[in-house]
């Protein structure tokens, strides 16, 4: 039981470490985090409802998760095959497409929340 608990604590530590590494090194995550912060401030300013908060936080988390996974896929692909390769390029494009879908969801969510408030 103790081994299980210490394992979970280590896992939490590594996930926090990974989040800080992303924020420290990846410009796309930095930009998206800044935009997320702006919408959190806007949420307080416009006093959005609990349901609107739920969707806004979901959209923010979805974009950040998709971008994090995209970054991991790109780093692995670059490590495995540092030179340009059509198959690796395809994989990286598909991973970037996931970020695109998340961003579209976020934009639609933000539109529905803030269009009535402006």
PDB file of N, CA and C in Angstrom:
ATOM      1  N   UNK A   1       0.826  -1.201   0.000  1.00  0.00           N
ATOM      2  CA  UNK A   1       0.000   0.000   0.000  1.00  0.00           C
ATOM      3  C   UNK A   1       0.867   1.261   0.000  1.00  0.00           C
ATOM      4  N   UNK A   2       1.941   1.253   0.806  1.00  0.00           N
ATOM      5  CA  UNK A   2       2.820   2.420   0.882  1.00  0.00           C
ATOM      6  C   UNK A   2       3.519   2.637  -0.457  1.00  0.00           C
ATOM      7  N   UNK A   3       3.906   1.527  -1.087  1.00  0.00           N
ATOM      8  CA  UNK A   3       4.566   1.629  -2.401  1.00  0.00           C
ATOM      9  C   UNK A   3       3.617   2.262  -3.423  1.00  0.00           C
ATOM     10  N   UNK A   4       2.352   1.888  -3.345  1.00  0.00           N
ATOM     11  CA  UNK A   4       1.345   2.463  -4.243  1.00  0.00           C
ATOM     12  C   UNK A   4       1.235   3.973  -4.027  1.00  0.00           C
ATOM     13  N   UNK A   5       1.159   4.402  -2.769  1.00  0.00           N
ATOM     14  CA  UNK A   5       1.005   5.826  -2.454  1.00  0.00           C
ATOM     15  C   UNK A   5       2.240   6.607  -2.881  1.00  0.00           C
ATOM     16  N   UNK A   6       3.424   6.080  -2.580  1.00  0.00           N
ATOM     17  CA  UNK A   6       4.640   6.793  -2.996  1.00  0.00           C
ATOM     18  C   UNK A   6       4.750   6.845  -4.514  1.00  0.00           C
ATOM     19  N   UNK A   7       4.284   5.807  -5.182  1.00  0.00           N
ATOM     20  CA  UNK A   7       4.268   5.806  -6.653  1.00  0.00           C
ATOM     21  C   UNK A   7       3.361   6.896  -7.203  1.00  0.00           C
ATOM     22  N   UNK A   8       2.185   7.078  -6.589  1.00  0.00           N
ATOM     23  CA  UNK A   8       1.252   8.127  -7.032  1.00  0.00           C
ATOM     24  C   UNK A   8       1.834   9.505  -6.764  1.00  0.00           C
ATOM     25  N   UNK A   9       2.517   9.678  -5.622  1.00  0.00           N
ATOM     26  CA  UNK A   9       3.137  10.968  -5.311  1.00  0.00           C
ATOM     27  C   UNK A   9       4.223  11.291  -6.329  1.00  0.00           C
ATOM     28  N   UNK A  10       5.028  10.286  -6.700  1.00  0.00           N
ATOM     29  CA  UNK A  10       6.055  10.494  -7.722  1.00  0.00           C
ATOM     30  C   UNK A  10       5.416  10.860  -9.062  1.00  0.00           C
ATOM     31  N   UNK A  11       4.318  10.192  -9.394  1.00  0.00           N
ATOM     32  CA  UNK A  11       3.631  10.474 -10.657  1.00  0.00           C
ATOM     33  C   UNK A  11       3.128  11.911 -10.686  1.00  0.00           C
ATOM     34  N   UNK A  12       2.586  12.377  -9.577  1.00  0.00           N
ATOM     35  CA  UNK A  12       2.129  13.765  -9.500  1.00  0.00           C
ATOM     36  C   UNK A  12       3.302  14.717  -9.672  1.00  0.00           C
ATOM     37  N   UNK A  13       4.424  14.415  -9.012  1.00  0.00           N
ATOM     38  CA  UNK A  13       5.625  15.239  -9.138  1.00  0.00           C
ATOM     39  C   UNK A  13       6.075  15.322 -10.597  1.00  0.00           C
ATOM     40  N   UNK A  14       6.119  14.170 -11.292  1.00  0.00           N
ATOM     41  CA  UNK A  14       6.562  14.167 -12.686  1.00  0.00           C
ATOM     42  C   UNK A  14       5.594  14.930 -13.594  1.00  0.00           C
ATOM     43  N   UNK A  15       4.307  14.839 -13.310  1.00  0.00           N
ATOM     44  CA  UNK A  15       3.342  15.569 -14.145  1.00  0.00           C
ATOM     45  C   UNK A  15       3.470  17.080 -13.937  1.00  0.00           C
ATOM     46  N   UNK A  16       3.694  17.499 -12.702  1.00  0.00           N
ATOM     47  CA  UNK A  16       3.911  18.935 -12.440  1.00  0.00           C
ATOM     48  C   UNK A  16       5.206  19.392 -13.099  1.00  0.00           C
ATOM     49  N   UNK A  17       6.245  18.568 -12.985  1.00  0.00           N
ATOM     50  CA  UNK A  17       7.522  18.877 -13.639  1.00  0.00           C
ATOM     51  C   UNK A  17       7.329  19.029 -15.153  1.00  0.00           C
ATOM     52  N   UNK A  18       6.565  18.126 -15.748  1.00  0.00           N
ATOM     53  CA  UNK A  18       6.304  18.187 -17.183  1.00  0.00           C
ATOM     54  C   UNK A  18       5.545  19.444 -17.581  1.00  0.00           C
ATOM     55  N   UNK A  19       4.572  19.831 -16.768  1.00  0.00           N
ATOM     56  CA  UNK A  19       3.807  21.053 -17.053  1.00  0.00           C
ATOM     57  C   UNK A  19       4.723  22.268 -17.013  1.00  0.00           C
ATOM     58  N   UNK A  20       5.598  22.328 -16.014  1.00  0.00           N
ATOM     59  CA  UNK A  20       6.527  23.458 -15.935  1.00  0.00           C
ATOM     60  C   UNK A  20       7.534  23.440 -17.081  1.00  0.00           C
ATOM     61  N   UNK A  21       7.985  22.255 -17.502  1.00  0.00           N
ATOM     62  CA  UNK A  21       8.888  22.174 -18.655  1.00  0.00           C
ATOM     63  C   UNK A  21       8.200  22.704 -19.915  1.00  0.00           C
ATOM     64  N   UNK A  22       6.945  22.341 -20.096  1.00  0.00           N
ATOM     65  CA  UNK A  22       6.195  22.857 -21.242  1.00  0.00           C
ATOM     66  C   UNK A  22       6.099  24.378 -21.190  1.00  0.00           C
ATOM     67  N   UNK A  23       5.723  24.908 -20.037  1.00  0.00           N
ATOM     68  CA  UNK A  23       5.576  26.362 -19.902  1.00  0.00           C
ATOM     69  C   UNK A  23       6.903  27.089 -20.077  1.00  0.00           C
ATOM     70  N   UNK A  24       7.978  26.452 -19.674  1.00  0.00           N
ATOM     71  CA  UNK A  24       9.296  27.076 -19.747  1.00  0.00           C
ATOM     72  C   UNK A  24       9.884  27.043 -21.160  1.00  0.00           C
ATOM     73  N   UNK A  25       9.597  25.987 -21.920  1.00  0.00           N
ATOM     74  CA  UNK A  25      10.315  25.775 -23.177  1.00  0.00           C
ATOM     75  C   UNK A  25       9.481  25.918 -24.451  1.00  0.00           C
ATOM     76  N   UNK A  26       8.174  25.806 -24.358  1.00  0.00           N
ATOM     77  CA  UNK A  26       7.356  25.764 -25.575  1.00  0.00           C
ATOM     78  C   UNK A  26       6.566  27.053 -25.762  1.00  0.00           C
ATOM     79  N   UNK A  27       6.875  27.749 -26.842  1.00  0.00           N
ATOM     80  CA  UNK A  27       6.228  29.041 -27.111  1.00  0.00           C
ATOM     81  C   UNK A  27       4.726  28.901 -27.344  1.00  0.00           C
ATOM     82  N   UNK A  28       4.305  27.819 -27.990  1.00  0.00           N
ATOM     83  CA  UNK A  28       2.874  27.650 -28.256  1.00  0.00           C
ATOM     84  C   UNK A  28       2.103  27.487 -26.946  1.00  0.00           C
ATOM     85  N   UNK A  29       2.640  26.736 -26.016  1.00  0.00           N
ATOM     86  CA  UNK A  29       1.982  26.572 -24.711  1.00  0.00           C
ATOM     87  C   UNK A  29       1.986  27.894 -23.954  1.00  0.00           C
ATOM     88  N   UNK A  30       3.068  28.648 -24.052  1.00  0.00           N
ATOM     89  CA  UNK A  30       3.137  29.949 -23.388  1.00  0.00           C
ATOM     90  C   UNK A  30       2.058  30.880 -23.929  1.00  0.00           C
ATOM     91  N   UNK A  31       1.929  30.927 -25.256  1.00  0.00           N
ATOM     92  CA  UNK A  31       0.918  31.793 -25.873  1.00  0.00           C
ATOM     93  C   UNK A  31      -0.481  31.345 -25.493  1.00  0.00           C
ATOM     94  N   UNK A  32      -0.739  30.050 -25.551  1.00  0.00           N
ATOM     95  CA  UNK A  32      -2.070  29.548 -25.228  1.00  0.00           C
ATOM     96  C   UNK A  32      -2.394  29.735 -23.744  1.00  0.00           C
ATOM     97  N   UNK A  33      -1.398  29.622 -22.892  1.00  0.00           N
ATOM     98  CA  UNK A  33      -1.617  29.859 -21.467  1.00  0.00           C
ATOM     99  C   UNK A  33      -1.926  31.329 -21.194  1.00  0.00           C
ATOM    100  N   UNK A  34      -1.261  32.206 -21.924  1.00  0.00           N
ATOM    101  CA  UNK A  34      -1.533  33.634 -21.780  1.00  0.00           C
ATOM    102  C   UNK A  34      -2.961  33.962 -22.225  1.00  0.00           C
ATOM    103  N   UNK A  35      -3.370  33.402 -23.357  1.00  0.00           N
ATOM    104  CA  UNK A  35      -4.737  33.607 -23.844  1.00  0.00           C
ATOM    105  C   UNK A  35      -5.742  33.033 -22.841  1.00  0.00           C
ATOM    106  N   UNK A  36      -5.434  31.864 -22.298  1.00  0.00           N
ATOM    107  CA  UNK A  36      -6.315  31.255 -21.291  1.00  0.00           C
ATOM    108  C   UNK A  36      -6.449  32.170 -20.076  1.00  0.00           C
ATOM    109  N   UNK A  37      -5.341  32.747 -19.653  1.00  0.00           N
ATOM    110  CA  UNK A  37      -5.367  33.664 -18.514  1.00  0.00           C
ATOM    111  C   UNK A  37      -6.248  34.881 -18.808  1.00  0.00           C
ATOM    112  N   UNK A  38      -6.163  35.391 -20.033  1.00  0.00           N
ATOM    113  CA  UNK A  38      -7.017  36.525 -20.420  1.00  0.00           C
ATOM    114  C   UNK A  38      -8.496  36.161 -20.325  1.00  0.00           C
ATOM    115  N   UNK A  39      -8.849  34.945 -20.753  1.00  0.00           N
ATOM    116  CA  UNK A  39     -10.251  34.540 -20.694  1.00  0.00           C
ATOM    117  C   UNK A  39     -10.704  34.220 -19.276  1.00  0.00           C
ATOM    118  N   UNK A  40      -9.788  33.801 -18.428  1.00  0.00           N
ATOM    119  CA  UNK A  40     -10.149  33.622 -17.012  1.00  0.00           C
ATOM    120  C   UNK A  40     -10.463  34.989 -16.400  1.00  0.00           C
ATOM    121  N   UNK A  41      -9.627  35.977 -16.703  1.00  0.00           N
ATOM    122  CA  UNK A  41      -9.890  37.339 -16.218  1.00  0.00           C
ATOM    123  C   UNK A  41     -11.219  37.837 -16.787  1.00  0.00           C
ATOM    124  N   UNK A  42     -11.451  37.606 -18.087  1.00  0.00           N
ATOM    125  CA  UNK A  42     -12.713  38.018 -18.710  1.00  0.00           C
ATOM    126  C   UNK A  42     -13.902  37.325 -18.043  1.00  0.00           C
ATOM    127  N   UNK A  43     -13.724  36.066 -17.677  1.00  0.00           N
ATOM    128  CA  UNK A  43     -14.800  35.342 -17.008  1.00  0.00           C
ATOM    129  C   UNK A  43     -15.199  35.990 -15.695  1.00  0.00           C
ATOM    130  N   UNK A  44     -14.200  36.447 -14.929  1.00  0.00           N
ATOM    131  CA  UNK A  44     -14.510  37.150 -13.680  1.00  0.00           C
ATOM    132  C   UNK A  44     -15.122  38.521 -13.965  1.00  0.00           C
ATOM    133  N   UNK A  45     -14.584  39.205 -14.965  1.00  0.00           N
ATOM    134  CA  UNK A  45     -15.083  40.541 -15.295  1.00  0.00           C
ATOM    135  C   UNK A  45     -16.545  40.500 -15.731  1.00  0.00           C
ATOM    136  N   UNK A  46     -16.881  39.558 -16.603  1.00  0.00           N
ATOM    137  CA  UNK A  46     -18.246  39.456 -17.122  1.00  0.00           C
ATOM    138  C   UNK A  46     -19.153  38.594 -16.245  1.00  0.00           C
ATOM    139  N   UNK A  47     -18.615  38.078 -15.151  1.00  0.00           N
ATOM    140  CA  UNK A  47     -19.385  37.262 -14.210  1.00  0.00           C
ATOM    141  C   UNK A  47     -20.153  36.149 -14.921  1.00  0.00           C
ATOM    142  N   UNK A  48     -19.414  35.328 -15.635  1.00  0.00           N
ATOM    143  CA  UNK A  48     -20.061  34.240 -16.367  1.00  0.00           C
ATOM    144  C   UNK A  48     -20.623  33.217 -15.381  1.00  0.00           C
ATOM    145  N   UNK A  49     -21.605  32.468 -15.845  1.00  0.00           N
ATOM    146  CA  UNK A  49     -22.305  31.506 -14.989  1.00  0.00           C
ATOM    147  C   UNK A  49     -21.425  30.279 -14.729  1.00  0.00           C
ATOM    148  N   UNK A  50     -21.879  29.449 -13.808  1.00  0.00           N
ATOM    149  CA  UNK A  50     -21.153  28.216 -13.491  1.00  0.00           C
ATOM    150  C   UNK A  50     -21.014  27.310 -14.713  1.00  0.00           C
ATOM    151  N   UNK A  51     -22.074  27.179 -15.482  1.00  0.00           N
ATOM    152  CA  UNK A  51     -22.037  26.343 -16.692  1.00  0.00           C
ATOM    153  C   UNK A  51     -21.070  26.940 -17.709  1.00  0.00           C
ATOM    154  N   UNK A  52     -21.082  28.265 -17.849  1.00  0.00           N
ATOM    155  CA  UNK A  52     -20.135  28.914 -18.758  1.00  0.00           C
ATOM    156  C   UNK A  52     -18.699  28.699 -18.293  1.00  0.00           C
ATOM    157  N   UNK A  53     -18.460  28.759 -16.978  1.00  0.00           N
ATOM    158  CA  UNK A  53     -17.130  28.461 -16.438  1.00  0.00           C
ATOM    159  C   UNK A  53     -16.723  27.036 -16.787  1.00  0.00           C
ATOM    160  N   UNK A  54     -17.671  26.123 -16.626  1.00  0.00           N
ATOM    161  CA  UNK A  54     -17.394  24.723 -16.918  1.00  0.00           C
ATOM    162  C   UNK A  54     -16.923  24.550 -18.358  1.00  0.00           C
ATOM    163  N   UNK A  55     -17.655  25.138 -19.288  1.00  0.00           N
ATOM    164  CA  UNK A  55     -17.283  25.016 -20.695  1.00  0.00           C
ATOM    165  C   UNK A  55     -15.984  25.758 -21.008  1.00  0.00           C
ATOM    166  N   UNK A  56     -15.795  26.904 -20.387  1.00  0.00           N
ATOM    167  CA  UNK A  56     -14.570  27.666 -20.632  1.00  0.00           C
ATOM    168  C   UNK A  56     -13.347  26.890 -20.126  1.00  0.00           C
ATOM    169  N   UNK A  57     -13.431  26.353 -18.932  1.00  0.00           N
ATOM    170  CA  UNK A  57     -12.311  25.583 -18.382  1.00  0.00           C
ATOM    171  C   UNK A  57     -12.080  24.320 -19.209  1.00  0.00           C
ATOM    172  N   UNK A  58     -13.154  23.676 -19.644  1.00  0.00           N
ATOM    173  CA  UNK A  58     -13.031  22.507 -20.511  1.00  0.00           C
ATOM    174  C   UNK A  58     -12.299  22.868 -21.801  1.00  0.00           C
ATOM    175  N   UNK A  59     -12.677  23.978 -22.409  1.00  0.00           N
ATOM    176  CA  UNK A  59     -12.039  24.405 -23.655  1.00  0.00           C
ATOM    177  C   UNK A  59     -10.555  24.706 -23.440  1.00  0.00           C
ATOM    178  N   UNK A  60     -10.234  25.406 -22.362  1.00  0.00           N
ATOM    179  CA  UNK A  60      -8.844  25.735 -22.057  1.00  0.00           C
ATOM    180  C   UNK A  60      -8.038  24.458 -21.844  1.00  0.00           C
ATOM    181  N   UNK A  61      -8.563  23.561 -21.029  1.00  0.00           N
ATOM    182  CA  UNK A  61      -7.848  22.321 -20.744  1.00  0.00           C
ATOM    183  C   UNK A  61      -7.692  21.453 -21.989  1.00  0.00           C
ATOM    184  N   UNK A  62      -8.719  21.414 -22.816  1.00  0.00           N
ATOM    185  CA  UNK A  62      -8.654  20.631 -24.045  1.00  0.00           C
ATOM    186  C   UNK A  62      -7.545  21.140 -24.961  1.00  0.00           C
ATOM    187  N   UNK A  63      -7.455  22.444 -25.134  1.00  0.00           N
ATOM    188  CA  UNK A  63      -6.417  23.015 -25.993  1.00  0.00           C
ATOM    189  C   UNK A  63      -5.029  22.751 -25.409  1.00  0.00           C
ATOM    190  N   UNK A  64      -4.862  22.973 -24.113  1.00  0.00           N
ATOM    191  CA  UNK A  64      -3.553  22.761 -23.495  1.00  0.00           C
ATOM    192  C   UNK A  64      -3.149  21.285 -23.525  1.00  0.00           C
ATOM    193  N   UNK A  65      -4.108  20.384 -23.312  1.00  0.00           N
ATOM    194  CA  UNK A  65      -3.804  18.949 -23.390  1.00  0.00           C
ATOM    195  C   UNK A  65      -3.431  18.536 -24.810  1.00  0.00           C
ATOM    196  N   UNK A  66      -4.194  19.003 -25.774  1.00  0.00           N
ATOM    197  CA  UNK A  66      -3.902  18.663 -27.166  1.00  0.00           C
ATOM    198  C   UNK A  66      -2.532  19.201 -27.573  1.00  0.00           C
ATOM    199  N   UNK A  67      -2.224  20.427 -27.187  1.00  0.00           N
ATOM    200  CA  UNK A  67      -0.928  21.010 -27.521  1.00  0.00           C
ATOM    201  C   UNK A  67       0.205  20.267 -26.817  1.00  0.00           C
ATOM    202  N   UNK A  68      -0.025  19.845 -25.590  1.00  0.00           N
ATOM    203  CA  UNK A  68       0.990  19.081 -24.860  1.00  0.00           C
ATOM    204  C   UNK A  68       1.273  17.749 -25.547  1.00  0.00           C
ATOM    205  N   UNK A  69       0.225  17.048 -25.930  1.00  0.00           N
ATOM    206  CA  UNK A  69       0.411  15.773 -26.632  1.00  0.00           C
ATOM    207  C   UNK A  69       1.058  15.988 -27.995  1.00  0.00           C
ATOM    208  N   UNK A  70       0.680  17.045 -28.689  1.00  0.00           N
ATOM    209  CA  UNK A  70       1.297  17.373 -29.972  1.00  0.00           C
ATOM    210  C   UNK A  70       2.794  17.609 -29.793  1.00  0.00           C
ATOM    211  N   UNK A  71       3.159  18.348 -28.768  1.00  0.00           N
ATOM    212  CA  UNK A  71       4.569  18.615 -28.501  1.00  0.00           C
ATOM    213  C   UNK A  71       5.315  17.316 -28.215  1.00  0.00           C
ATOM    214  N   UNK A  72       4.728  16.449 -27.410  1.00  0.00           N
ATOM    215  CA  UNK A  72       5.369  15.169 -27.099  1.00  0.00           C
ATOM    216  C   UNK A  72       5.568  14.333 -28.365  1.00  0.00           C
ATOM    217  N   UNK A  73       4.557  14.289 -29.211  1.00  0.00           N
ATOM    218  CA  UNK A  73       4.665  13.530 -30.463  1.00  0.00           C
ATOM    219  C   UNK A  73       5.756  14.117 -31.349  1.00  0.00           C
ATOM    220  N   UNK A  74       5.813  15.436 -31.448  1.00  0.00           N
ATOM    221  CA  UNK A  74       6.852  16.073 -32.261  1.00  0.00           C
ATOM    222  C   UNK A  74       8.245  15.782 -31.722  1.00  0.00           C
ATOM    223  N   UNK A  75       8.412  15.846 -30.405  1.00  0.00           N
ATOM    224  CA  UNK A  75       9.726  15.582 -29.796  1.00  0.00           C
ATOM    225  C   UNK A  75      10.147  14.131 -30.030  1.00  0.00           C
ATOM    226  N   UNK A  76       9.217  13.205 -29.873  1.00  0.00           N
ATOM    227  CA  UNK A  76       9.538  11.793 -30.120  1.00  0.00           C
ATOM    228  C   UNK A  76       9.902  11.583 -31.585  1.00  0.00           C
ATOM    229  N   UNK A  77       9.109  12.156 -32.474  1.00  0.00           N
ATOM    230  CA  UNK A  77       9.367  11.999 -33.906  1.00  0.00           C
ATOM    231  C   UNK A  77      10.726  12.581 -34.291  1.00  0.00           C
ATOM    232  N   UNK A  78      11.045  13.753 -33.760  1.00  0.00           N
ATOM    233  CA  UNK A  78      12.340  14.366 -34.057  1.00  0.00           C
ATOM    234  C   UNK A  78      13.491  13.548 -33.487  1.00  0.00           C
ATOM    235  N   UNK A  79      13.281  12.912 -32.349  1.00  0.00           N
ATOM    236  CA  UNK A  79      14.309  12.074 -31.742  1.00  0.00           C
ATOM    237  C   UNK A  79      14.539  10.809 -32.571  1.00  0.00           C
ATOM    238  N   UNK A  80      13.449  10.211 -33.007  1.00  0.00           N
ATOM    239  CA  UNK A  80      13.552   8.966 -33.764  1.00  0.00           C
ATOM    240  C   UNK A  80      14.136   9.211 -35.150  1.00  0.00           C
ATOM    241  N   UNK A  81      13.684  10.294 -35.779  1.00  0.00           N
ATOM    242  CA  UNK A  81      14.120  10.564 -37.155  1.00  0.00           C
ATOM    243  C   UNK A  81      14.382  12.062 -37.298  1.00  0.00           C
ATOM    244  N   UNK A  82      15.609  12.516 -36.959  1.00  0.00           N
ATOM    245  CA  UNK A  82      15.900  13.962 -36.969  1.00  0.00           C
ATOM    246  C   UNK A  82      15.808  14.614 -38.354  1.00  0.00           C
ATOM    247  N   UNK A  83      16.090  13.850 -39.404  1.00  0.00           N
ATOM    248  CA  UNK A  83      16.008  14.399 -40.761  1.00  0.00           C
ATOM    249  C   UNK A  83      14.564  14.375 -41.238  1.00  0.00           C
ATOM    250  N   UNK A  84      14.292  15.198 -42.263  1.00  0.00           N
ATOM    251  CA  UNK A  84      12.924  15.239 -42.788  1.00  0.00           C
ATOM    252  C   UNK A  84      12.551  13.882 -43.374  1.00  0.00           C
ATOM    253  N   UNK A  85      11.320  13.461 -43.067  1.00  0.00           N
ATOM    254  CA  UNK A  85      10.778  12.213 -43.569  1.00  0.00           C
ATOM    255  C   UNK A  85       9.287  12.411 -43.802  1.00  0.00           C
ATOM    256  N   UNK A  86       8.794  11.975 -44.955  1.00  0.00           N
ATOM    257  CA  UNK A  86       7.372  12.167 -45.287  1.00  0.00           C
ATOM    258  C   UNK A  86       6.438  11.526 -44.262  1.00  0.00           C
ATOM    259  N   UNK A  87       6.764  10.328 -43.803  1.00  0.00           N
ATOM    260  CA  UNK A  87       5.900   9.640 -42.842  1.00  0.00           C
ATOM    261  C   UNK A  87       5.893  10.359 -41.495  1.00  0.00           C
ATOM    262  N   UNK A  88       7.065  10.813 -41.056  1.00  0.00           N
ATOM    263  CA  UNK A  88       7.139  11.573 -39.805  1.00  0.00           C
ATOM    264  C   UNK A  88       6.383  12.888 -39.961  1.00  0.00           C
ATOM    265  N   UNK A  89       6.533  13.526 -41.113  1.00  0.00           N
ATOM    266  CA  UNK A  89       5.799  14.768 -41.375  1.00  0.00           C
ATOM    267  C   UNK A  89       4.296  14.561 -41.300  1.00  0.00           C
ATOM    268  N   UNK A  90       3.823  13.445 -41.846  1.00  0.00           N
ATOM    269  CA  UNK A  90       2.397  13.119 -41.791  1.00  0.00           C
ATOM    270  C   UNK A  90       1.935  12.971 -40.343  1.00  0.00           C
ATOM    271  N   UNK A  91       2.714  12.232 -39.553  1.00  0.00           N
ATOM    272  CA  UNK A  91       2.374  12.014 -38.147  1.00  0.00           C
ATOM    273  C   UNK A  91       2.304  13.349 -37.410  1.00  0.00           C
ATOM    274  N   UNK A  92       3.284  14.215 -37.645  1.00  0.00           N
ATOM    275  CA  UNK A  92       3.307  15.509 -36.972  1.00  0.00           C
ATOM    276  C   UNK A  92       2.137  16.388 -37.413  1.00  0.00           C
ATOM    277  N   UNK A  93       1.777  16.316 -38.688  1.00  0.00           N
ATOM    278  CA  UNK A  93       0.634  17.091 -39.178  1.00  0.00           C
ATOM    279  C   UNK A  93      -0.675  16.608 -38.556  1.00  0.00           C
ATOM    280  N   UNK A  94      -0.825  15.307 -38.423  1.00  0.00           N
ATOM    281  CA  UNK A  94      -2.034  14.756 -37.804  1.00  0.00           C
ATOM    282  C   UNK A  94      -2.129  15.197 -36.343  1.00  0.00           C
ATOM    283  N   UNK A  95      -0.998  15.167 -35.644  1.00  0.00           N
ATOM    284  CA  UNK A  95      -0.993  15.614 -34.246  1.00  0.00           C
ATOM    285  C   UNK A  95      -1.353  17.096 -34.159  1.00  0.00           C
ATOM    286  N   UNK A  96      -0.852  17.896 -35.081  1.00  0.00           N
ATOM    287  CA  UNK A  96      -1.201  19.326 -35.106  1.00  0.00           C
ATOM    288  C   UNK A  96      -2.682  19.502 -35.427  1.00  0.00           C
ATOM    289  N   UNK A  97      -3.237  18.605 -36.234  1.00  0.00           N
ATOM    290  CA  UNK A  97      -4.664  18.658 -36.539  1.00  0.00           C
ATOM    291  C   UNK A  97      -5.521  18.496 -35.291  1.00  0.00           C
ATOM    292  N   UNK A  98      -5.068  17.695 -34.343  1.00  0.00           N
ATOM    293  CA  UNK A  98      -5.801  17.529 -33.081  1.00  0.00           C
ATOM    294  C   UNK A  98      -5.861  18.855 -32.325  1.00  0.00           C
ATOM    295  N   UNK A  99      -4.765  19.602 -32.359  1.00  0.00           N
ATOM    296  CA  UNK A  99      -4.745  20.922 -31.719  1.00  0.00           C
ATOM    297  C   UNK A  99      -5.729  21.849 -32.428  1.00  0.00           C
ATOM    298  N   UNK A 100      -5.781  21.757 -33.747  1.00  0.00           N
ATOM    299  CA  UNK A 100      -6.718  22.568 -34.523  1.00  0.00           C
ATOM    300  C   UNK A 100      -8.159  22.293 -34.097  1.00  0.00           C
ATOM    301  N   UNK A 101      -8.523  21.016 -33.971  1.00  0.00           N
ATOM    302  CA  UNK A 101      -9.889  20.672 -33.543  1.00  0.00           C
ATOM    303  C   UNK A 101     -10.183  21.222 -32.154  1.00  0.00           C
ATOM    304  N   UNK A 102      -9.228  21.105 -31.249  1.00  0.00           N
ATOM    305  CA  UNK A 102      -9.410  21.635 -29.896  1.00  0.00           C
ATOM    306  C   UNK A 102      -9.573  23.151 -29.927  1.00  0.00           C
ATOM    307  N   UNK A 103      -8.778  23.811 -30.753  1.00  0.00           N
ATOM    308  CA  UNK A 103      -8.859  25.271 -30.853  1.00  0.00           C
ATOM    309  C   UNK A 103     -10.195  25.710 -31.440  1.00  0.00           C
ATOM    310  N   UNK A 104     -10.709  24.986 -32.415  1.00  0.00           N
ATOM    311  CA  UNK A 104     -12.022  25.307 -32.987  1.00  0.00           C
ATOM    312  C   UNK A 104     -13.096  25.172 -31.910  1.00  0.00           C
ATOM    313  N   UNK A 105     -13.041  24.084 -31.123  1.00  0.00           N
ATOM    314  CA  UNK A 105     -13.990  23.916 -30.022  1.00  0.00           C
ATOM    315  C   UNK A 105     -13.896  25.100 -29.060  1.00  0.00           C
ATOM    316  N   UNK A 106     -12.665  25.506 -28.733  1.00  0.00           N
ATOM    317  CA  UNK A 106     -12.469  26.626 -27.807  1.00  0.00           C
ATOM    318  C   UNK A 106     -13.036  27.923 -28.383  1.00  0.00           C
ATOM    319  N   UNK A 107     -12.791  28.173 -29.661  1.00  0.00           N
ATOM    320  CA  UNK A 107     -13.311  29.402 -30.284  1.00  0.00           C
ATOM    321  C   UNK A 107     -14.840  29.425 -30.305  1.00  0.00           C
ATOM    322  N   UNK A 108     -15.451  28.297 -30.616  1.00  0.00           N
ATOM    323  CA  UNK A 108     -16.916  28.214 -30.620  1.00  0.00           C
ATOM    324  C   UNK A 108     -17.451  28.415 -29.207  1.00  0.00           C
ATOM    325  N   UNK A 109     -16.796  27.799 -28.238  1.00  0.00           N
ATOM    326  CA  UNK A 109     -17.208  27.946 -26.838  1.00  0.00           C
ATOM    327  C   UNK A 109     -17.123  29.402 -26.400  1.00  0.00           C
ATOM    328  N   UNK A 110     -15.995  30.037 -26.696  1.00  0.00           N
ATOM    329  CA  UNK A 110     -15.792  31.436 -26.320  1.00  0.00           C
ATOM    330  C   UNK A 110     -16.813  32.331 -27.017  1.00  0.00           C
ATOM    331  N   UNK A 111     -17.104  32.032 -28.272  1.00  0.00           N
ATOM    332  CA  UNK A 111     -18.126  32.812 -28.996  1.00  0.00           C
ATOM    333  C   UNK A 111     -19.472  32.729 -28.288  1.00  0.00           C
ATOM    334  N   UNK A 112     -19.897  31.522 -27.929  1.00  0.00           N
ATOM    335  CA  UNK A 112     -21.196  31.366 -27.280  1.00  0.00           C
ATOM    336  C   UNK A 112     -21.247  32.035 -25.908  1.00  0.00           C
ATOM    337  N   UNK A 113     -20.134  32.017 -25.203  1.00  0.00           N
ATOM    338  CA  UNK A 113     -20.106  32.632 -23.872  1.00  0.00           C
ATOM    339  C   UNK A 113     -20.101  34.152 -23.956  1.00  0.00           C
ATOM    340  N   UNK A 114     -19.246  34.709 -24.811  1.00  0.00           N
ATOM    341  CA  UNK A 114     -18.989  36.152 -24.759  1.00  0.00           C
ATOM    342  C   UNK A 114     -19.739  36.978 -25.806  1.00  0.00           C
ATOM    343  N   UNK A 115     -20.309  36.357 -26.829  1.00  0.00           N
ATOM    344  CA  UNK A 115     -21.015  37.143 -27.847  1.00  0.00           C
ATOM    345  C   UNK A 115     -22.223  37.862 -27.267  1.00  0.00           C
ATOM    346  N   UNK A 116     -22.894  37.242 -26.308  1.00  0.00           N
ATOM    347  CA  UNK A 116     -24.074  37.878 -25.690  1.00  0.00           C
ATOM    348  C   UNK A 116     -23.688  38.924 -24.667  1.00  0.00           C
ATOM    349  N   UNK A 117     -22.437  38.916 -24.230  1.00  0.00           N
ATOM    350  CA  UNK A 117     -21.995  39.825 -23.194  1.00  0.00           C
ATOM    351  C   UNK A 117     -21.356  41.100 -23.760  1.00  0.00           C
ATOM    352  N   UNK A 118     -21.038  41.065 -25.038  1.00  0.00           N
ATOM    353  CA  UNK A 118     -20.374  42.240 -25.649  1.00  0.00           C
ATOM    354  C   UNK A 118     -21.326  43.112 -26.420  1.00  0.00           C
TER     355      UNK A 118
END
